[in-house]
């Protein structure tokens, strides 16, 4: 279920999303925020792993396609990569979809799903250190994420615990299970 004000929806990643996945992971502009672009072979292998995780009944990594509600066109992917009670939230949009609003809509859904549905205790966001970290900071701070020591060299990391989320839950979100 979605709210009318959203311009995007999330749906589980499907086999026919492989071209989207490859376009994202092989694009130097998209990967500038994440790491070196993958070659097509590595991206294909990574896609197969993602699909295996999505098909699993065991809670763990989940990846969704970000879809434009007006056109039905896939604009990118969103993911929660879970290790025990901690999940890393990630959003990758095609450059044509970079407008800020979509990222916030998707983050609304990821945060809600992580805490209200998946039951994680801690959510983190990570990006490469440098010019792009300002955008990530602006995306994460409204939810209560705070900068913390990074878990990987060359990155910046923000974290949000369930307790802090429950107390300071932003009024702008809480619409429904967004990442079904």
Protein backbone atom coordinates (compact mmCIF):
# COMPACT_ATOMS: atom_id res chain seq x y z
CA UNK A 1 0.00 0.00 0.00
CA UNK A 2 1.24 3.50 -0.76
CA UNK A 3 0.16 7.05 -0.05
CA UNK A 4 -1.03 9.28 -2.88
CA UNK A 5 1.71 11.82 -2.19
CA UNK A 6 4.41 9.31 -3.07
CA UNK A 7 5.69 9.36 -6.65
CA UNK A 8 7.46 6.02 -6.22
CA UNK A 9 6.60 2.55 -5.06
CA UNK A 10 8.79 -0.39 -4.05
CA UNK A 11 8.29 -3.92 -5.30
CA UNK A 12 10.50 -6.97 -4.83
CA UNK A 13 13.27 -7.18 -7.42
CA UNK A 14 12.37 -9.62 -10.22
CA UNK A 15 14.38 -11.58 -12.77
CA UNK A 16 13.39 -9.10 -15.48
CA UNK A 17 15.09 -6.33 -13.46
CA UNK A 18 18.54 -7.65 -14.39
CA UNK A 19 19.11 -4.92 -17.04
CA UNK A 20 18.27 -2.25 -14.43
CA UNK A 21 20.63 -3.83 -11.90
CA UNK A 22 23.45 -4.02 -14.44
CA UNK A 23 22.83 -0.44 -15.59
CA UNK A 24 23.19 0.76 -11.98
CA UNK A 25 26.22 -1.29 -10.96
CA UNK A 26 28.18 -0.66 -14.17
CA UNK A 27 27.44 3.10 -14.30
CA UNK A 28 30.42 5.23 -13.18
CA UNK A 29 28.11 8.14 -12.19
CA UNK A 30 25.96 5.95 -9.93
CA UNK A 31 28.90 4.04 -8.49
CA UNK A 32 30.80 7.26 -7.68
CA UNK A 33 28.92 7.26 -4.37
CA UNK A 34 29.52 3.59 -3.64
CA UNK A 35 32.73 2.20 -5.11
CA UNK A 36 34.30 1.21 -8.41
CA UNK A 37 31.82 0.22 -11.14
CA UNK A 38 31.47 -3.52 -11.71
CA UNK A 39 32.04 -5.17 -15.05
CA UNK A 40 28.99 -6.88 -16.57
CA UNK A 41 30.10 -10.35 -15.44
CA UNK A 42 30.52 -9.35 -11.79
CA UNK A 43 27.27 -7.39 -11.84
CA UNK A 44 25.44 -10.42 -13.26
CA UNK A 45 26.83 -12.68 -10.53
CA UNK A 46 25.87 -10.11 -7.88
CA UNK A 47 22.35 -9.94 -9.31
CA UNK A 48 21.99 -13.73 -9.03
CA UNK A 49 23.03 -13.55 -5.35
CA UNK A 50 20.53 -10.77 -4.69
CA UNK A 51 17.75 -12.80 -6.29
CA UNK A 52 18.68 -15.85 -4.18
CA UNK A 53 18.44 -13.70 -1.03
CA UNK A 54 15.08 -12.30 -2.12
CA UNK A 55 13.71 -15.82 -2.68
CA UNK A 56 14.85 -17.04 0.74
CA UNK A 57 12.35 -17.42 3.56
CA UNK A 58 15.08 -16.57 6.06
CA UNK A 59 15.19 -12.88 7.03
CA UNK A 60 18.27 -11.28 5.59
CA UNK A 61 19.22 -9.11 2.65
CA UNK A 62 16.28 -7.77 0.66
CA UNK A 63 16.27 -5.70 -2.51
CA UNK A 64 13.38 -3.87 -4.15
CA UNK A 65 12.91 -2.06 -7.44
CA UNK A 66 12.05 1.64 -7.08
CA UNK A 67 9.19 2.22 -9.51
CA UNK A 68 7.67 5.49 -10.76
CA UNK A 69 3.98 5.27 -9.83
CA UNK A 70 2.85 7.33 -12.84
CA UNK A 71 4.69 5.36 -15.52
CA UNK A 72 5.48 2.00 -13.90
CA UNK A 73 9.08 2.46 -15.02
CA UNK A 74 11.83 1.16 -12.72
CA UNK A 75 14.07 4.04 -11.58
CA UNK A 76 16.52 2.18 -9.37
CA UNK A 77 16.82 -0.20 -6.44
CA UNK A 78 16.60 -0.03 -2.67
CA UNK A 79 18.03 -2.59 -0.29
CA UNK A 80 18.47 -3.63 3.31
CA UNK A 81 21.61 -5.71 3.83
CA UNK A 82 21.12 -7.39 7.17
CA UNK A 83 23.68 -8.96 9.49
CA UNK A 84 21.87 -10.12 12.62
CA UNK A 85 20.10 -7.17 14.23
CA UNK A 86 21.88 -4.56 12.07
CA UNK A 87 20.87 -3.58 8.54
CA UNK A 88 22.55 -1.25 6.07
CA UNK A 89 20.09 0.77 3.99
CA UNK A 90 21.02 1.51 0.41
CA UNK A 91 19.43 3.39 -2.48
CA UNK A 92 20.68 3.47 -6.07
CA UNK A 93 18.77 5.50 -8.64
CA UNK A 94 19.45 5.97 -12.32
CA UNK A 95 20.88 9.47 -12.96
CA UNK A 96 17.65 10.57 -14.68
CA UNK A 97 15.83 9.98 -11.35
CA UNK A 98 18.16 12.10 -9.19
CA UNK A 99 15.88 14.78 -7.83
CA UNK A 100 16.12 14.39 -4.05
CA UNK A 101 12.44 13.78 -3.44
CA UNK A 102 12.57 10.20 -4.62
CA UNK A 103 15.47 9.38 -2.31
CA UNK A 104 13.50 10.67 0.68
CA UNK A 105 10.42 8.68 -0.33
CA UNK A 106 12.48 5.51 -0.61
CA UNK A 107 14.28 6.15 2.69
CA UNK A 108 10.88 6.59 4.38
CA UNK A 109 10.03 3.08 3.28
CA UNK A 110 13.37 1.52 4.15
CA UNK A 111 13.40 2.95 7.68
CA UNK A 112 9.82 1.86 8.33
CA UNK A 113 10.40 -1.60 6.94
CA UNK A 114 13.64 -2.08 8.87
CA UNK A 115 12.18 -1.18 12.27
CA UNK A 116 8.47 -1.97 11.97
CA UNK A 117 8.51 -5.08 9.77
CA UNK A 118 11.98 -6.64 9.73
CA UNK A 119 12.55 -5.90 13.42
CA UNK A 120 16.15 -4.75 13.14
CA UNK A 121 17.71 -3.12 16.19
CA UNK A 122 20.05 -0.82 14.32
CA UNK A 123 20.07 0.75 10.86
CA UNK A 124 23.14 2.24 9.20
CA UNK A 125 23.82 4.29 6.09
CA UNK A 126 27.24 4.37 4.42
CA UNK A 127 28.75 6.31 1.51
CA UNK A 128 32.21 7.01 0.17
CA UNK A 129 33.99 9.88 1.89
CA UNK A 130 34.07 13.01 -0.28
CA UNK A 131 31.78 15.35 -2.11
CA UNK A 132 28.76 13.02 -2.02
CA UNK A 133 28.65 12.63 1.75
CA UNK A 134 26.77 15.94 2.11
CA UNK A 135 23.84 14.50 0.13
CA UNK A 136 23.78 11.37 2.27
CA UNK A 137 23.90 13.44 5.46
CA UNK A 138 20.92 15.53 4.27
CA UNK A 139 19.03 12.35 3.45
CA UNK A 140 19.68 10.58 6.77
CA UNK A 141 19.63 13.30 9.44
CA UNK A 142 15.86 13.95 9.39
CA UNK A 143 15.34 10.36 10.58
CA UNK A 144 17.69 10.80 13.53
CA UNK A 145 20.77 9.11 12.04
CA UNK A 146 23.98 10.33 13.70
CA UNK A 147 27.48 10.19 12.25
CA UNK A 148 29.65 7.50 13.80
CA UNK A 149 33.02 5.86 13.17
CA UNK A 150 32.90 4.05 9.82
CA UNK A 151 33.16 0.30 9.55
CA UNK A 152 35.06 0.48 6.25
CA UNK A 153 38.04 2.65 5.28
CA UNK A 154 37.30 5.62 3.02
CA UNK A 155 33.65 5.78 4.00
CA UNK A 156 31.36 7.86 6.18
CA UNK A 157 28.76 6.08 8.31
CA UNK A 158 25.61 7.14 10.12
CA UNK A 159 23.64 5.00 12.56
CA UNK A 160 20.15 4.90 14.05
CA UNK A 161 19.10 2.61 16.90
CA UNK A 162 15.55 1.33 17.30
CA UNK A 163 15.18 3.08 20.68
CA UNK A 164 16.17 6.45 19.25
CA UNK A 165 13.90 5.87 16.25
CA UNK A 166 10.93 5.00 18.49
CA UNK A 167 11.32 8.17 20.57
CA UNK A 168 12.04 10.61 17.77
CA UNK A 169 10.03 9.00 14.98
CA UNK A 170 9.46 11.71 12.37
CA UNK A 171 5.82 12.61 11.84
CA UNK A 172 6.33 12.70 8.09
CA UNK A 173 6.58 8.95 7.90
CA UNK A 174 4.66 6.03 9.28
CA UNK A 175 2.21 5.58 6.44
CA UNK A 176 2.13 1.81 5.89
CA UNK A 177 4.40 -1.14 5.15
CA UNK A 178 6.21 0.39 2.26
CA UNK A 179 8.45 -2.44 1.15
CA UNK A 180 6.14 -5.37 0.88
